[in-house]
């Protein structure tokens, strides 16, 4: 992952409640163990028709969605099964943040671990983004935990301190621990387990 830095982006609206992970990335695409290429399959059943052609009326296929890094979703986004492929697919598509009034707990955690920032906002803030429409621009500052709305209004969003630190550093949980490899090795040298002389 790259370090999470402040950015400005247009938004794309998908104000559908209870979008589950099988809609984000259908089960038939879960055979892969790599993150690359999953962006082509994100919302596949909604983005493409039976012939595999893009549906022009779907939000992510519209011109205003091109280059957008922020998805404004409906309530309870990411419910359903606990597949990490969902945030993988969203980030591979180019999204860096998803804004909603609420997220499914497992998806919320998986997103933070995989470089996708879930931004929880009030219903009032969410409504103002829907009014602004796809293509409106926002600013996201993880360090300050602020979302700047199209009208310039700042709103705060919650994120736990450890996840925030990992995102800012651009590391996952293992990468965070690896930063302390030398200290861990020194500790292990000085704290070897005593030899167990008991017979089995």
Protein backbone atom coordinates (compact mmCIF):
# COMPACT_ATOMS: atom_id res chain seq x y z
CA UNK A 1 0.00 0.00 0.00
CA UNK A 2 1.04 3.58 -0.56
CA UNK A 3 0.95 6.07 2.32
CA UNK A 4 -2.47 7.67 2.56
CA UNK A 5 -2.08 11.37 1.79
CA UNK A 6 -4.69 14.18 1.56
CA UNK A 7 -6.40 14.28 -1.82
CA UNK A 8 -9.14 16.02 -3.75
CA UNK A 9 -11.48 14.08 -6.00
CA UNK A 10 -14.80 14.05 -7.73
CA UNK A 11 -17.47 11.79 -6.23
CA UNK A 12 -19.62 9.11 -7.82
CA UNK A 13 -23.02 8.37 -6.32
CA UNK A 14 -24.38 4.88 -5.67
CA UNK A 15 -27.11 5.64 -3.09
CA UNK A 16 -28.35 2.06 -2.72
CA UNK A 17 -28.87 0.72 0.80
CA UNK A 18 -27.64 -2.70 1.96
CA UNK A 19 -25.15 -3.29 -0.85
CA UNK A 20 -23.57 -6.62 0.04
CA UNK A 21 -20.12 -7.90 -0.83
CA UNK A 22 -21.49 -10.32 -3.43
CA UNK A 23 -22.80 -7.30 -5.33
CA UNK A 24 -19.48 -5.49 -4.93
CA UNK A 25 -17.54 -8.50 -6.24
CA UNK A 26 -19.59 -11.57 -7.31
CA UNK A 27 -18.49 -14.94 -5.95
CA UNK A 28 -17.33 -16.26 -9.34
CA UNK A 29 -14.40 -13.81 -9.22
CA UNK A 30 -13.10 -15.03 -5.86
CA UNK A 31 -10.82 -17.75 -7.23
CA UNK A 32 -7.96 -15.31 -7.62
CA UNK A 33 -5.49 -14.67 -4.81
CA UNK A 34 -4.15 -11.47 -6.32
CA UNK A 35 -5.67 -8.00 -6.12
CA UNK A 36 -4.73 -6.98 -9.64
CA UNK A 37 -7.50 -6.91 -12.19
CA UNK A 38 -10.41 -7.13 -9.75
CA UNK A 39 -11.40 -3.56 -10.56
CA UNK A 40 -12.76 -4.78 -13.89
CA UNK A 41 -15.18 -7.05 -12.01
CA UNK A 42 -16.37 -4.60 -9.33
CA UNK A 43 -20.19 -4.43 -9.41
CA UNK A 44 -19.97 -6.71 -12.46
CA UNK A 45 -23.61 -7.80 -12.44
CA UNK A 46 -24.72 -4.17 -12.30
CA UNK A 47 -22.09 -2.70 -14.65
CA UNK A 48 -22.47 -5.14 -17.56
CA UNK A 49 -25.38 -6.67 -19.42
CA UNK A 50 -25.72 -10.37 -20.37
CA UNK A 51 -23.50 -9.79 -23.41
CA UNK A 52 -20.77 -8.25 -21.28
CA UNK A 53 -21.39 -4.72 -22.52
CA UNK A 54 -21.35 -1.77 -20.08
CA UNK A 55 -24.77 -0.56 -18.99
CA UNK A 56 -24.70 3.20 -19.75
CA UNK A 57 -27.16 4.00 -16.96
CA UNK A 58 -25.03 2.45 -14.19
CA UNK A 59 -23.28 5.01 -11.99
CA UNK A 60 -19.71 3.77 -12.47
CA UNK A 61 -20.11 3.70 -16.26
CA UNK A 62 -21.15 7.32 -16.62
CA UNK A 63 -18.67 9.97 -17.78
CA UNK A 64 -18.88 11.83 -14.45
CA UNK A 65 -17.52 8.73 -12.69
CA UNK A 66 -14.30 8.59 -14.66
CA UNK A 67 -11.35 9.26 -12.36
CA UNK A 68 -13.53 9.51 -9.25
CA UNK A 69 -11.74 8.27 -6.12
CA UNK A 70 -14.66 8.67 -3.72
CA UNK A 71 -17.82 6.56 -3.81
CA UNK A 72 -20.88 7.91 -1.99
CA UNK A 73 -22.86 4.80 -1.10
CA UNK A 74 -26.14 4.03 0.65
CA UNK A 75 -26.65 2.89 4.22
CA UNK A 76 -25.15 -0.39 5.54
CA UNK A 77 -22.59 -0.65 2.75
CA UNK A 78 -20.59 -3.88 2.54
CA UNK A 79 -22.96 -6.21 4.36
CA UNK A 80 -23.00 -9.94 3.70
CA UNK A 81 -20.04 -12.30 3.59
CA UNK A 82 -16.62 -11.33 4.91
CA UNK A 83 -14.57 -11.28 1.71
CA UNK A 84 -11.46 -9.12 1.49
CA UNK A 85 -11.92 -9.19 -2.28
CA UNK A 86 -14.54 -6.43 -1.88
CA UNK A 87 -12.10 -3.68 -0.82
CA UNK A 88 -9.50 -5.16 -3.18
CA UNK A 89 -11.89 -4.70 -6.11
CA UNK A 90 -12.89 -1.19 -5.07
CA UNK A 91 -9.30 0.00 -4.69
CA UNK A 92 -8.21 -1.71 -7.92
CA UNK A 93 -11.00 0.22 -9.66
CA UNK A 94 -9.36 3.40 -8.37
CA UNK A 95 -11.40 4.26 -5.30
CA UNK A 96 -9.63 5.50 -2.19
CA UNK A 97 -12.64 6.20 0.02
CA UNK A 98 -16.29 5.22 0.44
CA UNK A 99 -18.72 7.58 2.18
CA UNK A 100 -21.84 6.21 3.86
CA UNK A 101 -24.06 6.69 6.88
CA UNK A 102 -23.07 3.20 8.09
CA UNK A 103 -20.94 0.21 7.10
CA UNK A 104 -21.07 -3.48 7.90
CA UNK A 105 -18.49 -4.12 10.64
CA UNK A 106 -16.43 -6.76 8.83
CA UNK A 107 -16.28 -4.76 5.61
CA UNK A 108 -15.28 -1.67 7.61
CA UNK A 109 -12.33 -3.53 9.14
CA UNK A 110 -11.30 -5.17 5.86
CA UNK A 111 -11.39 -1.81 4.10
CA UNK A 112 -9.05 -0.19 6.62
CA UNK A 113 -6.63 -3.12 6.36
CA UNK A 114 -6.51 -2.85 2.58
CA UNK A 115 -6.01 0.85 1.95
CA UNK A 116 -9.68 1.84 1.47
CA UNK A 117 -10.93 4.56 3.81
CA UNK A 118 -14.56 4.09 4.98
CA UNK A 119 -15.92 7.53 5.91
CA UNK A 120 -19.00 7.50 8.12
CA UNK A 121 -21.05 10.70 7.97
CA UNK A 122 -24.34 11.96 9.33
CA UNK A 123 -27.54 11.60 7.30
CA UNK A 124 -27.49 15.38 6.79
CA UNK A 125 -23.98 15.38 5.31
CA UNK A 126 -24.85 12.36 3.20
CA UNK A 127 -27.95 14.10 1.86
CA UNK A 128 -25.90 17.17 0.90
CA UNK A 129 -23.54 14.98 -1.15
CA UNK A 130 -26.47 13.40 -2.95
CA UNK A 131 -27.77 16.87 -3.80
CA UNK A 132 -24.32 17.91 -5.06
CA UNK A 133 -24.37 14.95 -7.45
CA UNK A 134 -21.79 12.82 -9.22
CA UNK A 135 -18.86 14.90 -10.39
CA UNK A 136 -18.93 17.27 -7.41
CA UNK A 137 -15.56 17.56 -5.70
CA UNK A 138 -14.54 16.82 -2.12
CA UNK A 139 -11.30 16.80 -0.16
CA UNK A 140 -10.25 13.97 2.14
CA UNK A 141 -7.65 14.53 4.87
CA UNK A 142 -7.06 11.41 6.94
CA UNK A 143 -4.50 13.08 9.21
CA UNK A 144 -7.07 15.71 10.23
CA UNK A 145 -9.96 13.23 9.84
CA UNK A 146 -11.90 15.74 7.78
CA UNK A 147 -14.03 15.58 4.66
CA UNK A 148 -14.44 18.90 2.87
CA UNK A 149 -17.79 19.02 1.12
CA UNK A 150 -18.38 20.62 -2.30
CA UNK A 151 -19.64 23.80 -0.62
CA UNK A 152 -16.46 24.08 1.48
CA UNK A 153 -17.99 22.81 4.71
CA UNK A 154 -15.71 20.59 6.81
CA UNK A 155 -17.05 17.52 8.59
CA UNK A 156 -15.13 15.19 10.91
CA UNK A 157 -15.18 11.41 10.55
CA UNK A 158 -14.11 8.71 13.02
CA UNK A 159 -11.24 6.26 12.55
CA UNK A 160 -9.37 4.30 15.21
CA UNK A 161 -5.82 5.43 15.98
CA UNK A 162 -4.08 2.20 14.91
CA UNK A 163 -5.82 1.92 11.54
CA UNK A 164 -5.17 5.60 10.91
CA UNK A 165 -1.46 5.18 11.64
CA UNK A 166 -1.19 2.15 9.35
CA UNK A 167 -2.92 3.97 6.49
CA UNK A 168 -0.76 7.06 6.90
CA UNK A 169 2.36 4.87 6.82
CA UNK A 170 1.05 2.77 3.94
CA UNK A 171 1.40 -0.55 5.77
CA UNK A 172 -0.91 -3.35 6.86
CA UNK A 173 -0.79 -4.91 10.34
CA UNK A 174 2.11 -7.19 9.44
CA UNK A 175 3.99 -4.35 7.79
CA UNK A 176 3.54 -2.28 10.93
CA UNK A 177 5.08 -5.03 13.07
CA UNK A 178 7.95 -5.50 10.62
CA UNK A 179 9.07 -1.97 11.37
CA UNK A 180 10.08 -3.23 14.80
CA UNK A 181 11.91 -6.36 13.62
CA UNK A 182 15.24 -5.30 15.16
CA UNK A 183 13.68 -4.46 18.53
CA UNK A 184 11.74 -7.75 18.50
CA UNK A 185 14.91 -9.72 17.73
CA UNK A 186 16.78 -7.99 20.57
CA UNK A 187 13.96 -8.74 22.96
CA UNK A 188 13.92 -12.42 21.99
CA UNK A 189 17.66 -12.72 22.57
CA UNK A 190 17.30 -11.34 26.08
CA UNK A 191 14.19 -13.30 26.94
CA UNK A 192 14.83 -16.86 25.82
CA UNK A 193 12.43 -19.39 27.24
CA UNK A 194 14.03 -21.58 29.95
CA UNK A 195 14.88 -25.10 28.89
CA UNK A 196 12.17 -27.53 29.99
CA UNK A 197 13.83 -30.59 31.55
CA UNK A 198 10.57 -32.44 32.09
CA UNK A 199 10.25 -35.74 30.29
CA UNK A 200 7.19 -36.47 28.21
